[in-house]
């Protein structure tokens, strides 16, 4: 059941990140991947800052969005703003 939550959080975070970063996203599957990787990045950042990951679904989605925005920003920085295949 946990993998289903990862997919749901990843899809939500990837979709919102696509809208926040003024893009159309990378497609449903890649939005899920970006969201899941963003959740990992966001969790690492929050843990490094001393915030333990004992949040609810909203907290998890917000952290995943934070990480996905950072990931998308880095990808766009490296690729020069053109659309990259993650």
PDB file of N, CA and C in Angstrom:
ATOM      1  N   UNK A   1       0.818  -1.197   0.000  1.00  0.00           N
ATOM      2  CA  UNK A   1       0.000   0.000   0.000  1.00  0.00           C
ATOM      3  C   UNK A   1       0.865   1.266   0.000  1.00  0.00           C
ATOM      4  N   UNK A   2       2.056   1.167   0.544  1.00  0.00           N
ATOM      5  CA  UNK A   2       2.927   2.342   0.608  1.00  0.00           C
ATOM      6  C   UNK A   2       3.327   2.813  -0.785  1.00  0.00           C
ATOM      7  N   UNK A   3       3.521   1.891  -1.706  1.00  0.00           N
ATOM      8  CA  UNK A   3       3.913   2.277  -3.060  1.00  0.00           C
ATOM      9  C   UNK A   3       2.799   3.074  -3.732  1.00  0.00           C
ATOM     10  N   UNK A   4       1.560   2.774  -3.402  1.00  0.00           N
ATOM     11  CA  UNK A   4       0.434   3.531  -3.959  1.00  0.00           C
ATOM     12  C   UNK A   4       0.486   4.971  -3.463  1.00  0.00           C
ATOM     13  N   UNK A   5       0.802   5.166  -2.188  1.00  0.00           N
ATOM     14  CA  UNK A   5       0.922   6.523  -1.646  1.00  0.00           C
ATOM     15  C   UNK A   5       2.072   7.273  -2.289  1.00  0.00           C
ATOM     16  N   UNK A   6       3.199   6.590  -2.539  1.00  0.00           N
ATOM     17  CA  UNK A   6       4.326   7.225  -3.211  1.00  0.00           C
ATOM     18  C   UNK A   6       3.910   7.701  -4.599  1.00  0.00           C
ATOM     19  N   UNK A   7       3.154   6.868  -5.310  1.00  0.00           N
ATOM     20  CA  UNK A   7       2.703   7.235  -6.650  1.00  0.00           C
ATOM     21  C   UNK A   7       1.737   8.413  -6.595  1.00  0.00           C
ATOM     22  N   UNK A   8       0.808   8.389  -5.646  1.00  0.00           N
ATOM     23  CA  UNK A   8      -0.159   9.482  -5.518  1.00  0.00           C
ATOM     24  C   UNK A   8       0.544  10.789  -5.163  1.00  0.00           C
ATOM     25  N   UNK A   9       1.429  10.742  -4.184  1.00  0.00           N
ATOM     26  CA  UNK A   9       2.180  11.941  -3.790  1.00  0.00           C
ATOM     27  C   UNK A   9       3.045  12.412  -4.951  1.00  0.00           C
ATOM     28  N   UNK A  10       3.692  11.494  -5.639  1.00  0.00           N
ATOM     29  CA  UNK A  10       4.525  11.849  -6.779  1.00  0.00           C
ATOM     30  C   UNK A  10       3.730  12.503  -7.891  1.00  0.00           C
ATOM     31  N   UNK A  11       2.553  11.979  -8.183  1.00  0.00           N
ATOM     32  CA  UNK A  11       1.714  12.552  -9.231  1.00  0.00           C
ATOM     33  C   UNK A  11       1.254  13.958  -8.868  1.00  0.00           C
ATOM     34  N   UNK A  12       0.801  14.131  -7.639  1.00  0.00           N
ATOM     35  CA  UNK A  12       0.345  15.451  -7.182  1.00  0.00           C
ATOM     36  C   UNK A  12       1.501  16.445  -7.187  1.00  0.00           C
ATOM     37  N   UNK A  13       2.631  16.044  -6.620  1.00  0.00           N
ATOM     38  CA  UNK A  13       3.786  16.954  -6.550  1.00  0.00           C
ATOM     39  C   UNK A  13       4.322  17.273  -7.943  1.00  0.00           C
ATOM     40  N   UNK A  14       4.394  16.293  -8.814  1.00  0.00           N
ATOM     41  CA  UNK A  14       4.877  16.531 -10.166  1.00  0.00           C
ATOM     42  C   UNK A  14       3.958  17.446 -10.953  1.00  0.00           C
ATOM     43  N   UNK A  15       2.652  17.249 -10.815  1.00  0.00           N
ATOM     44  CA  UNK A  15       1.680  18.091 -11.509  1.00  0.00           C
ATOM     45  C   UNK A  15       1.770  19.545 -11.034  1.00  0.00           C
ATOM     46  N   UNK A  16       1.781  19.724  -9.717  1.00  0.00           N
ATOM     47  CA  UNK A  16       1.844  21.083  -9.155  1.00  0.00           C
ATOM     48  C   UNK A  16       3.177  21.748  -9.514  1.00  0.00           C
ATOM     49  N   UNK A  17       4.250  20.985  -9.499  1.00  0.00           N
ATOM     50  CA  UNK A  17       5.547  21.539  -9.878  1.00  0.00           C
ATOM     51  C   UNK A  17       5.541  22.003 -11.323  1.00  0.00           C
ATOM     52  N   UNK A  18       4.930  21.217 -12.201  1.00  0.00           N
ATOM     53  CA  UNK A  18       4.820  21.617 -13.599  1.00  0.00           C
ATOM     54  C   UNK A  18       4.081  22.936 -13.760  1.00  0.00           C
ATOM     55  N   UNK A  19       3.053  23.151 -12.948  1.00  0.00           N
ATOM     56  CA  UNK A  19       2.300  24.400 -13.003  1.00  0.00           C
ATOM     57  C   UNK A  19       3.079  25.554 -12.360  1.00  0.00           C
ATOM     58  N   UNK A  20       3.768  25.291 -11.265  1.00  0.00           N
ATOM     59  CA  UNK A  20       4.535  26.338 -10.585  1.00  0.00           C
ATOM     60  C   UNK A  20       5.726  26.804 -11.410  1.00  0.00           C
ATOM     61  N   UNK A  21       6.340  25.886 -12.117  1.00  0.00           N
ATOM     62  CA  UNK A  21       7.542  26.209 -12.874  1.00  0.00           C
ATOM     63  C   UNK A  21       7.201  26.685 -14.286  1.00  0.00           C
ATOM     64  N   UNK A  22       5.976  27.067 -14.523  1.00  0.00           N
ATOM     65  CA  UNK A  22       5.522  27.628 -15.799  1.00  0.00           C
ATOM     66  C   UNK A  22       5.811  26.710 -16.977  1.00  0.00           C
ATOM     67  N   UNK A  23       5.575  25.446 -16.778  1.00  0.00           N
ATOM     68  CA  UNK A  23       5.764  24.501 -17.868  1.00  0.00           C
ATOM     69  C   UNK A  23       4.560  23.589 -17.974  1.00  0.00           C
ATOM     70  N   UNK A  24       4.598  22.745 -18.963  1.00  0.00           N
ATOM     71  CA  UNK A  24       3.488  21.816 -19.142  1.00  0.00           C
ATOM     72  C   UNK A  24       3.770  20.487 -18.472  1.00  0.00           C
ATOM     73  N   UNK A  25       4.871  20.383 -17.793  1.00  0.00           N
ATOM     74  CA  UNK A  25       5.239  19.129 -17.153  1.00  0.00           C
ATOM     75  C   UNK A  25       5.955  18.229 -18.138  1.00  0.00           C
ATOM     76  N   UNK A  26       6.205  17.015 -17.740  1.00  0.00           N
ATOM     77  CA  UNK A  26       6.935  16.062 -18.569  1.00  0.00           C
ATOM     78  C   UNK A  26       6.055  14.897 -19.000  1.00  0.00           C
ATOM     79  N   UNK A  27       4.765  14.982 -18.783  1.00  0.00           N
ATOM     80  CA  UNK A  27       3.875  13.859 -19.025  1.00  0.00           C
ATOM     81  C   UNK A  27       3.568  13.174 -17.709  1.00  0.00           C
ATOM     82  N   UNK A  28       2.514  12.396 -17.682  1.00  0.00           N
ATOM     83  CA  UNK A  28       2.039  11.810 -16.426  1.00  0.00           C
ATOM     84  C   UNK A  28       3.092  10.932 -15.752  1.00  0.00           C
ATOM     85  N   UNK A  29       3.727  10.055 -16.504  1.00  0.00           N
ATOM     86  CA  UNK A  29       4.704   9.136 -15.907  1.00  0.00           C
ATOM     87  C   UNK A  29       5.920   9.887 -15.371  1.00  0.00           C
ATOM     88  N   UNK A  30       6.439  10.814 -16.156  1.00  0.00           N
ATOM     89  CA  UNK A  30       7.612  11.558 -15.701  1.00  0.00           C
ATOM     90  C   UNK A  30       7.263  12.538 -14.582  1.00  0.00           C
ATOM     91  N   UNK A  31       6.031  13.055 -14.573  1.00  0.00           N
ATOM     92  CA  UNK A  31       5.609  13.887 -13.438  1.00  0.00           C
ATOM     93  C   UNK A  31       5.628  13.081 -12.145  1.00  0.00           C
ATOM     94  N   UNK A  32       5.199  11.818 -12.219  1.00  0.00           N
ATOM     95  CA  UNK A  32       5.246  10.949 -11.038  1.00  0.00           C
ATOM     96  C   UNK A  32       6.694  10.751 -10.600  1.00  0.00           C
ATOM     97  N   UNK A  33       7.568  10.484 -11.557  1.00  0.00           N
ATOM     98  CA  UNK A  33       8.990  10.272 -11.238  1.00  0.00           C
ATOM     99  C   UNK A  33       9.588  11.532 -10.631  1.00  0.00           C
ATOM    100  N   UNK A  34       9.316  12.694 -11.247  1.00  0.00           N
ATOM    101  CA  UNK A  34       9.831  13.965 -10.716  1.00  0.00           C
ATOM    102  C   UNK A  34       9.303  14.189  -9.298  1.00  0.00           C
ATOM    103  N   UNK A  35       8.028  13.893  -9.066  1.00  0.00           N
ATOM    104  CA  UNK A  35       7.451  14.051  -7.733  1.00  0.00           C
ATOM    105  C   UNK A  35       8.071  13.134  -6.699  1.00  0.00           C
ATOM    106  N   UNK A  36       8.312  11.882  -7.073  1.00  0.00           N
ATOM    107  CA  UNK A  36       8.913  10.926  -6.138  1.00  0.00           C
ATOM    108  C   UNK A  36      10.361  11.310  -5.841  1.00  0.00           C
ATOM    109  N   UNK A  37      11.122  11.641  -6.888  1.00  0.00           N
ATOM    110  CA  UNK A  37      12.503  12.070  -6.667  1.00  0.00           C
ATOM    111  C   UNK A  37      12.516  13.377  -5.871  1.00  0.00           C
ATOM    112  N   UNK A  38      11.559  14.252  -6.159  1.00  0.00           N
ATOM    113  CA  UNK A  38      11.434  15.496  -5.391  1.00  0.00           C
ATOM    114  C   UNK A  38      11.143  15.226  -3.928  1.00  0.00           C
ATOM    115  N   UNK A  39      10.328  14.215  -3.654  1.00  0.00           N
ATOM    116  CA  UNK A  39      10.038  13.853  -2.261  1.00  0.00           C
ATOM    117  C   UNK A  39      11.305  13.386  -1.553  1.00  0.00           C
ATOM    118  N   UNK A  40      12.131  12.645  -2.257  1.00  0.00           N
ATOM    119  CA  UNK A  40      13.388  12.178  -1.673  1.00  0.00           C
ATOM    120  C   UNK A  40      14.319  13.359  -1.413  1.00  0.00           C
ATOM    121  N   UNK A  41      14.433  14.248  -2.409  1.00  0.00           N
ATOM    122  CA  UNK A  41      15.295  15.437  -2.249  1.00  0.00           C
ATOM    123  C   UNK A  41      14.766  16.327  -1.128  1.00  0.00           C
ATOM    124  N   UNK A  42      13.462  16.589  -1.134  1.00  0.00           N
ATOM    125  CA  UNK A  42      12.863  17.423  -0.091  1.00  0.00           C
ATOM    126  C   UNK A  42      13.015  16.816   1.290  1.00  0.00           C
ATOM    127  N   UNK A  43      12.839  15.494   1.391  1.00  0.00           N
ATOM    128  CA  UNK A  43      13.024  14.815   2.674  1.00  0.00           C
ATOM    129  C   UNK A  43      14.449  14.926   3.172  1.00  0.00           C
ATOM    130  N   UNK A  44      15.401  14.783   2.256  1.00  0.00           N
ATOM    131  CA  UNK A  44      16.816  14.922   2.636  1.00  0.00           C
ATOM    132  C   UNK A  44      17.105  16.337   3.125  1.00  0.00           C
ATOM    133  N   UNK A  45      16.600  17.330   2.410  1.00  0.00           N
ATOM    134  CA  UNK A  45      16.834  18.728   2.807  1.00  0.00           C
ATOM    135  C   UNK A  45      16.223  19.005   4.173  1.00  0.00           C
ATOM    136  N   UNK A  46      14.988  18.578   4.385  1.00  0.00           N
ATOM    137  CA  UNK A  46      14.317  18.836   5.668  1.00  0.00           C
ATOM    138  C   UNK A  46      15.014  18.096   6.805  1.00  0.00           C
ATOM    139  N   UNK A  47      15.461  16.871   6.545  1.00  0.00           N
ATOM    140  CA  UNK A  47      16.176  16.115   7.579  1.00  0.00           C
ATOM    141  C   UNK A  47      17.504  16.796   7.902  1.00  0.00           C
ATOM    142  N   UNK A  48      18.170  17.345   6.881  1.00  0.00           N
ATOM    143  CA  UNK A  48      19.433  18.055   7.099  1.00  0.00           C
ATOM    144  C   UNK A  48      19.233  19.325   7.916  1.00  0.00           C
ATOM    145  N   UNK A  49      18.046  19.935   7.775  1.00  0.00           N
ATOM    146  CA  UNK A  49      17.733  21.133   8.548  1.00  0.00           C
ATOM    147  C   UNK A  49      17.205  20.818   9.944  1.00  0.00           C
ATOM    148  N   UNK A  50      17.035  19.538  10.250  1.00  0.00           N
ATOM    149  CA  UNK A  50      16.614  19.145  11.583  1.00  0.00           C
ATOM    150  C   UNK A  50      15.130  18.875  11.741  1.00  0.00           C
ATOM    151  N   UNK A  51      14.394  18.843  10.645  1.00  0.00           N
ATOM    152  CA  UNK A  51      12.968  18.548  10.713  1.00  0.00           C
ATOM    153  C   UNK A  51      12.753  17.071  10.423  1.00  0.00           C
ATOM    154  N   UNK A  52      12.255  16.353  11.407  1.00  0.00           N
ATOM    155  CA  UNK A  52      11.999  14.926  11.233  1.00  0.00           C
ATOM    156  C   UNK A  52      10.782  14.733  10.341  1.00  0.00           C
ATOM    157  N   UNK A  53      10.771  13.675   9.576  1.00  0.00           N
ATOM    158  CA  UNK A  53       9.698  13.425   8.624  1.00  0.00           C
ATOM    159  C   UNK A  53       8.495  12.751   9.227  1.00  0.00           C
ATOM    160  N   UNK A  54       7.897  13.312  10.235  1.00  0.00           N
ATOM    161  CA  UNK A  54       6.720  12.728  10.871  1.00  0.00           C
ATOM    162  C   UNK A  54       5.469  13.544  10.552  1.00  0.00           C
ATOM    163  N   UNK A  55       5.328  13.950   9.301  1.00  0.00           N
ATOM    164  CA  UNK A  55       4.195  14.785   8.930  1.00  0.00           C
ATOM    165  C   UNK A  55       3.057  13.979   8.359  1.00  0.00           C
ATOM    166  N   UNK A  56       1.990  14.680   8.076  1.00  0.00           N
ATOM    167  CA  UNK A  56       0.824  14.046   7.475  1.00  0.00           C
ATOM    168  C   UNK A  56       0.930  14.131   5.956  1.00  0.00           C
ATOM    169  N   UNK A  57      -0.135  13.811   5.251  1.00  0.00           N
ATOM    170  CA  UNK A  57      -0.123  13.790   3.792  1.00  0.00           C
ATOM    171  C   UNK A  57       0.148  15.167   3.197  1.00  0.00           C
ATOM    172  N   UNK A  58      -0.439  16.209   3.768  1.00  0.00           N
ATOM    173  CA  UNK A  58      -0.228  17.568   3.264  1.00  0.00           C
ATOM    174  C   UNK A  58       1.241  17.960   3.411  1.00  0.00           C
ATOM    175  N   UNK A  59       1.829  17.693   4.559  1.00  0.00           N
ATOM    176  CA  UNK A  59       3.248  17.979   4.797  1.00  0.00           C
ATOM    177  C   UNK A  59       4.110  17.233   3.783  1.00  0.00           C
ATOM    178  N   UNK A  60       3.804  15.969   3.547  1.00  0.00           N
ATOM    179  CA  UNK A  60       4.566  15.158   2.604  1.00  0.00           C
ATOM    180  C   UNK A  60       4.477  15.723   1.196  1.00  0.00           C
ATOM    181  N   UNK A  61       3.286  16.132   0.785  1.00  0.00           N
ATOM    182  CA  UNK A  61       3.107  16.703  -0.549  1.00  0.00           C
ATOM    183  C   UNK A  61       3.864  18.016  -0.672  1.00  0.00           C
ATOM    184  N   UNK A  62       3.809  18.857   0.351  1.00  0.00           N
ATOM    185  CA  UNK A  62       4.534  20.135   0.303  1.00  0.00           C
ATOM    186  C   UNK A  62       6.040  19.929   0.205  1.00  0.00           C
ATOM    187  N   UNK A  63       6.560  18.977   0.952  1.00  0.00           N
ATOM    188  CA  UNK A  63       7.997  18.685   0.902  1.00  0.00           C
ATOM    189  C   UNK A  63       8.361  18.100  -0.461  1.00  0.00           C
ATOM    190  N   UNK A  64       7.500  17.246  -1.009  1.00  0.00           N
ATOM    191  CA  UNK A  64       7.743  16.678  -2.338  1.00  0.00           C
ATOM    192  C   UNK A  64       7.733  17.775  -3.399  1.00  0.00           C
ATOM    193  N   UNK A  65       6.832  18.735  -3.268  1.00  0.00           N
ATOM    194  CA  UNK A  65       6.783  19.855  -4.213  1.00  0.00           C
ATOM    195  C   UNK A  65       8.063  20.676  -4.114  1.00  0.00           C
ATOM    196  N   UNK A  66       8.509  20.952  -2.888  1.00  0.00           N
ATOM    197  CA  UNK A  66       9.757  21.691  -2.688  1.00  0.00           C
ATOM    198  C   UNK A  66      10.920  20.983  -3.387  1.00  0.00           C
ATOM    199  N   UNK A  67      11.048  19.700  -3.152  1.00  0.00           N
ATOM    200  CA  UNK A  67      12.124  18.938  -3.776  1.00  0.00           C
ATOM    201  C   UNK A  67      11.982  18.868  -5.285  1.00  0.00           C
ATOM    202  N   UNK A  68      10.762  18.726  -5.794  1.00  0.00           N
ATOM    203  CA  UNK A  68      10.539  18.653  -7.237  1.00  0.00           C
ATOM    204  C   UNK A  68      10.831  19.990  -7.913  1.00  0.00           C
ATOM    205  N   UNK A  69      10.505  21.087  -7.242  1.00  0.00           N
ATOM    206  CA  UNK A  69      10.826  22.410  -7.787  1.00  0.00           C
ATOM    207  C   UNK A  69      12.339  22.580  -7.866  1.00  0.00           C
ATOM    208  N   UNK A  70      13.045  22.169  -6.830  1.00  0.00           N
ATOM    209  CA  UNK A  70      14.509  22.254  -6.839  1.00  0.00           C
ATOM    210  C   UNK A  70      15.079  21.380  -7.948  1.00  0.00           C
ATOM    211  N   UNK A  71      14.566  20.163  -8.085  1.00  0.00           N
ATOM    212  CA  UNK A  71      15.030  19.259  -9.134  1.00  0.00           C
ATOM    213  C   UNK A  71      14.779  19.849 -10.523  1.00  0.00           C
ATOM    214  N   UNK A  72      13.588  20.367 -10.758  1.00  0.00           N
ATOM    215  CA  UNK A  72      13.250  20.957 -12.056  1.00  0.00           C
ATOM    216  C   UNK A  72      14.115  22.174 -12.339  1.00  0.00           C
ATOM    217  N   UNK A  73      14.350  22.993 -11.331  1.00  0.00           N
ATOM    218  CA  UNK A  73      15.193  24.176 -11.489  1.00  0.00           C
ATOM    219  C   UNK A  73      16.615  23.779 -11.881  1.00  0.00           C
ATOM    220  N   UNK A  74      17.158  22.752 -11.229  1.00  0.00           N
ATOM    221  CA  UNK A  74      18.509  22.293 -11.541  1.00  0.00           C
ATOM    222  C   UNK A  74      18.568  21.724 -12.959  1.00  0.00           C
ATOM    223  N   UNK A  75      17.560  20.933 -13.340  1.00  0.00           N
ATOM    224  CA  UNK A  75      17.532  20.364 -14.691  1.00  0.00           C
ATOM    225  C   UNK A  75      17.467  21.476 -15.732  1.00  0.00           C
ATOM    226  N   UNK A  76      16.634  22.476 -15.497  1.00  0.00           N
ATOM    227  CA  UNK A  76      16.539  23.591 -16.445  1.00  0.00           C
ATOM    228  C   UNK A  76      17.813  24.421 -16.472  1.00  0.00           C
ATOM    229  N   UNK A  77      18.473  24.541 -15.333  1.00  0.00           N
ATOM    230  CA  UNK A  77      19.733  25.271 -15.269  1.00  0.00           C
ATOM    231  C   UNK A  77      20.810  24.555 -16.085  1.00  0.00           C
ATOM    232  N   UNK A  78      20.875  23.244 -15.949  1.00  0.00           N
ATOM    233  CA  UNK A  78      21.882  22.451 -16.660  1.00  0.00           C
ATOM    234  C   UNK A  78      21.588  22.394 -18.157  1.00  0.00           C
ATOM    235  N   UNK A  79      20.315  22.277 -18.521  1.00  0.00           N
ATOM    236  CA  UNK A  79      19.958  22.124 -19.930  1.00  0.00           C
ATOM    237  C   UNK A  79      19.769  23.464 -20.635  1.00  0.00           C
ATOM    238  N   UNK A  80      19.905  24.549 -19.943  1.00  0.00           N
ATOM    239  CA  UNK A  80      19.753  25.868 -20.550  1.00  0.00           C
ATOM    240  C   UNK A  80      18.311  26.240 -20.825  1.00  0.00           C
ATOM    241  N   UNK A  81      17.385  25.650 -20.122  1.00  0.00           N
ATOM    242  CA  UNK A  81      15.979  26.006 -20.260  1.00  0.00           C
ATOM    243  C   UNK A  81      15.232  25.198 -21.307  1.00  0.00           C
ATOM    244  N   UNK A  82      15.938  24.458 -22.142  1.00  0.00           N
ATOM    245  CA  UNK A  82      15.213  23.644 -23.116  1.00  0.00           C
ATOM    246  C   UNK A  82      14.681  22.400 -22.420  1.00  0.00           C
ATOM    247  N   UNK A  83      13.676  21.826 -22.979  1.00  0.00           N
ATOM    248  CA  UNK A  83      13.022  20.680 -22.360  1.00  0.00           C
ATOM    249  C   UNK A  83      13.935  19.482 -22.370  1.00  0.00           C
ATOM    250  N   UNK A  84      14.167  18.932 -21.193  1.00  0.00           N
ATOM    251  CA  UNK A  84      15.077  17.785 -21.059  1.00  0.00           C
ATOM    252  C   UNK A  84      14.283  16.532 -20.767  1.00  0.00           C
ATOM    253  N   UNK A  85      14.796  15.416 -21.213  1.00  0.00           N
ATOM    254  CA  UNK A  85      14.214  14.121 -20.896  1.00  0.00           C
ATOM    255  C   UNK A  85      14.880  13.607 -19.629  1.00  0.00           C
ATOM    256  N   UNK A  86      14.116  13.529 -18.549  1.00  0.00           N
ATOM    257  CA  UNK A  86      14.683  13.055 -17.282  1.00  0.00           C
ATOM    258  C   UNK A  86      14.847  11.583 -17.284  1.00  0.00           C
TER     259      UNK A  86
END
